[in-house]
Amino acid sequence: MSFINSCGPKYTVKPGDSLSKISATCYGTQDFWFAIAKENGIKDPYIIYPKQVLKIPSNPAG
């Protein structure tokens, strides 16, 4: 199954966001939070900050 990134190449974190929420927004499923973490070198997925700009992988399953 192919997942399309609807957020574009970058996403600016908003208050209350989490990697799973961002994954749901960008891919329609929370399942790819780990791909966002990996793309951005995030070691602790619970620590992201408002206004932080994250790179969003175009192909999270690949």
N, C-alpha and C. Protein backbone atom coordinates (compact mmCIF):
# COMPACT_ATOMS: atom_id res chain seq x y z
N MET A 1 0.84 -1.17 0.00
CA MET A 1 0.00 0.00 0.00
C MET A 1 0.89 1.24 0.00
N SER A 2 0.48 2.24 -0.74
CA SER A 2 1.24 3.48 -0.85
C SER A 2 0.59 4.57 -0.02
N PHE A 3 1.39 5.33 0.70
CA PHE A 3 0.89 6.44 1.50
C PHE A 3 1.43 7.73 0.92
N ILE A 4 0.54 8.68 0.68
CA ILE A 4 0.92 9.95 0.09
C ILE A 4 1.10 10.98 1.20
N ASN A 5 2.20 11.71 1.14
CA ASN A 5 2.49 12.77 2.10
C ASN A 5 1.70 14.00 1.69
N SER A 6 0.67 14.35 2.47
CA SER A 6 -0.17 15.51 2.14
C SER A 6 0.34 16.80 2.78
N CYS A 7 1.46 16.73 3.50
CA CYS A 7 2.00 17.90 4.20
C CYS A 7 3.10 18.62 3.43
N GLY A 8 3.63 17.99 2.42
CA GLY A 8 4.78 18.57 1.74
C GLY A 8 6.07 18.15 2.42
N PRO A 9 7.20 18.72 2.00
CA PRO A 9 8.50 18.27 2.50
C PRO A 9 8.81 18.70 3.94
N LYS A 10 8.10 19.71 4.45
CA LYS A 10 8.37 20.20 5.81
C LYS A 10 7.06 20.45 6.54
N TYR A 11 7.13 20.33 7.86
CA TYR A 11 5.97 20.56 8.72
C TYR A 11 6.45 21.34 9.93
N THR A 12 5.74 22.41 10.28
CA THR A 12 6.06 23.18 11.48
C THR A 12 5.19 22.70 12.63
N VAL A 13 5.83 22.27 13.70
CA VAL A 13 5.14 21.72 14.86
C VAL A 13 4.28 22.80 15.51
N LYS A 14 3.04 22.40 15.86
CA LYS A 14 2.10 23.29 16.55
C LYS A 14 1.96 22.83 18.00
N PRO A 15 1.54 23.73 18.90
CA PRO A 15 1.31 23.30 20.28
C PRO A 15 0.34 22.12 20.33
N GLY A 16 0.67 21.13 21.12
CA GLY A 16 -0.17 19.94 21.26
C GLY A 16 0.12 18.84 20.26
N ASP A 17 0.99 19.10 19.29
CA ASP A 17 1.36 18.08 18.31
C ASP A 17 2.21 16.99 18.95
N SER A 18 2.15 15.82 18.37
CA SER A 18 3.05 14.70 18.68
C SER A 18 3.43 14.10 17.33
N LEU A 19 4.43 13.26 17.33
CA LEU A 19 4.82 12.64 16.06
C LEU A 19 3.69 11.79 15.49
N SER A 20 2.93 11.13 16.36
CA SER A 20 1.82 10.32 15.85
C SER A 20 0.71 11.20 15.27
N LYS A 21 0.45 12.36 15.87
CA LYS A 21 -0.55 13.28 15.31
C LYS A 21 -0.08 13.84 13.97
N ILE A 22 1.20 14.18 13.89
CA ILE A 22 1.75 14.69 12.63
C ILE A 22 1.67 13.60 11.56
N SER A 23 1.98 12.38 11.91
CA SER A 23 1.88 11.26 10.98
C SER A 23 0.44 11.11 10.48
N ALA A 24 -0.52 11.20 11.39
CA ALA A 24 -1.93 11.09 11.00
C ALA A 24 -2.33 12.23 10.06
N THR A 25 -1.84 13.43 10.32
CA THR A 25 -2.14 14.58 9.47
C THR A 25 -1.52 14.41 8.08
N CYS A 26 -0.29 13.97 8.04
CA CYS A 26 0.44 13.91 6.77
C CYS A 26 0.14 12.66 5.95
N TYR A 27 -0.10 11.54 6.61
CA TYR A 27 -0.25 10.26 5.90
C TYR A 27 -1.61 9.60 6.08
N GLY A 28 -2.45 10.15 6.96
CA GLY A 28 -3.75 9.54 7.20
C GLY A 28 -3.71 8.38 8.18
N THR A 29 -2.56 8.15 8.80
CA THR A 29 -2.40 7.09 9.80
C THR A 29 -1.30 7.50 10.78
N GLN A 30 -1.45 7.09 12.03
CA GLN A 30 -0.43 7.39 13.04
C GLN A 30 0.78 6.46 12.93
N ASP A 31 0.70 5.47 12.09
CA ASP A 31 1.69 4.40 12.05
C ASP A 31 3.09 4.80 11.62
N PHE A 32 3.26 5.98 11.02
CA PHE A 32 4.56 6.34 10.47
C PHE A 32 5.29 7.41 11.27
N TRP A 33 4.94 7.55 12.55
CA TRP A 33 5.65 8.52 13.40
C TRP A 33 7.15 8.21 13.43
N PHE A 34 7.48 6.92 13.38
CA PHE A 34 8.90 6.51 13.46
C PHE A 34 9.68 6.99 12.24
N ALA A 35 9.04 7.05 11.07
CA ALA A 35 9.71 7.53 9.86
C ALA A 35 10.05 9.01 9.98
N ILE A 36 9.14 9.77 10.58
CA ILE A 36 9.38 11.21 10.80
C ILE A 36 10.52 11.37 11.81
N ALA A 37 10.50 10.59 12.88
CA ALA A 37 11.57 10.65 13.88
C ALA A 37 12.92 10.32 13.25
N LYS A 38 12.97 9.26 12.47
CA LYS A 38 14.22 8.84 11.83
C LYS A 38 14.74 9.91 10.87
N GLU A 39 13.86 10.47 10.06
CA GLU A 39 14.24 11.49 9.07
C GLU A 39 14.85 12.72 9.73
N ASN A 40 14.42 13.00 10.97
CA ASN A 40 14.87 14.21 11.67
C ASN A 40 15.89 13.94 12.77
N GLY A 41 16.33 12.68 12.90
CA GLY A 41 17.32 12.35 13.92
C GLY A 41 16.80 12.51 15.33
N ILE A 42 15.50 12.31 15.50
CA ILE A 42 14.87 12.46 16.82
C ILE A 42 15.06 11.15 17.59
N LYS A 43 15.75 11.23 18.72
CA LYS A 43 16.02 10.04 19.53
C LYS A 43 14.86 9.73 20.49
N ASP A 44 14.25 10.78 21.06
CA ASP A 44 13.12 10.60 21.97
C ASP A 44 11.87 11.14 21.28
N PRO A 45 10.97 10.27 20.83
CA PRO A 45 9.82 10.72 20.06
C PRO A 45 8.82 11.56 20.86
N TYR A 46 9.00 11.63 22.16
CA TYR A 46 8.10 12.43 22.99
C TYR A 46 8.57 13.88 23.13
N ILE A 47 9.74 14.18 22.59
CA ILE A 47 10.28 15.54 22.74
C ILE A 47 10.36 16.22 21.37
N ILE A 48 9.33 17.02 21.09
CA ILE A 48 9.34 17.94 19.96
C ILE A 48 8.79 19.26 20.47
N TYR A 49 9.06 20.33 19.76
CA TYR A 49 8.75 21.67 20.26
C TYR A 49 7.93 22.46 19.25
N PRO A 50 6.96 23.28 19.74
CA PRO A 50 6.24 24.17 18.84
C PRO A 50 7.22 25.03 18.05
N LYS A 51 6.90 25.25 16.81
CA LYS A 51 7.68 26.02 15.84
C LYS A 51 8.90 25.26 15.31
N GLN A 52 9.14 24.05 15.82
CA GLN A 52 10.21 23.21 15.27
C GLN A 52 9.79 22.79 13.86
N VAL A 53 10.70 22.87 12.91
CA VAL A 53 10.40 22.49 11.53
C VAL A 53 10.96 21.08 11.29
N LEU A 54 10.07 20.17 10.92
CA LEU A 54 10.44 18.78 10.69
C LEU A 54 10.41 18.46 9.20
N LYS A 55 11.35 17.65 8.76
CA LYS A 55 11.33 17.11 7.40
C LYS A 55 10.35 15.94 7.40
N ILE A 56 9.50 15.89 6.39
CA ILE A 56 8.51 14.83 6.28
C ILE A 56 8.87 13.95 5.08
N PRO A 57 9.17 12.67 5.33
CA PRO A 57 9.54 11.78 4.22
C PRO A 57 8.41 11.64 3.20
N SER A 58 8.76 11.63 1.93
CA SER A 58 7.74 11.47 0.90
C SER A 58 7.24 10.03 0.85
N ASN A 59 8.09 9.07 1.23
CA ASN A 59 7.70 7.66 1.24
C ASN A 59 8.02 7.07 2.61
N PRO A 60 7.07 7.13 3.55
CA PRO A 60 7.36 6.70 4.92
C PRO A 60 7.58 5.20 5.07
N ALA A 61 7.06 4.42 4.15
CA ALA A 61 7.19 2.97 4.26
C ALA A 61 8.47 2.46 3.61
N GLY A 62 9.19 3.34 2.94
CA GLY A 62 10.36 2.89 2.20
C GLY A 62 11.59 3.22 2.87
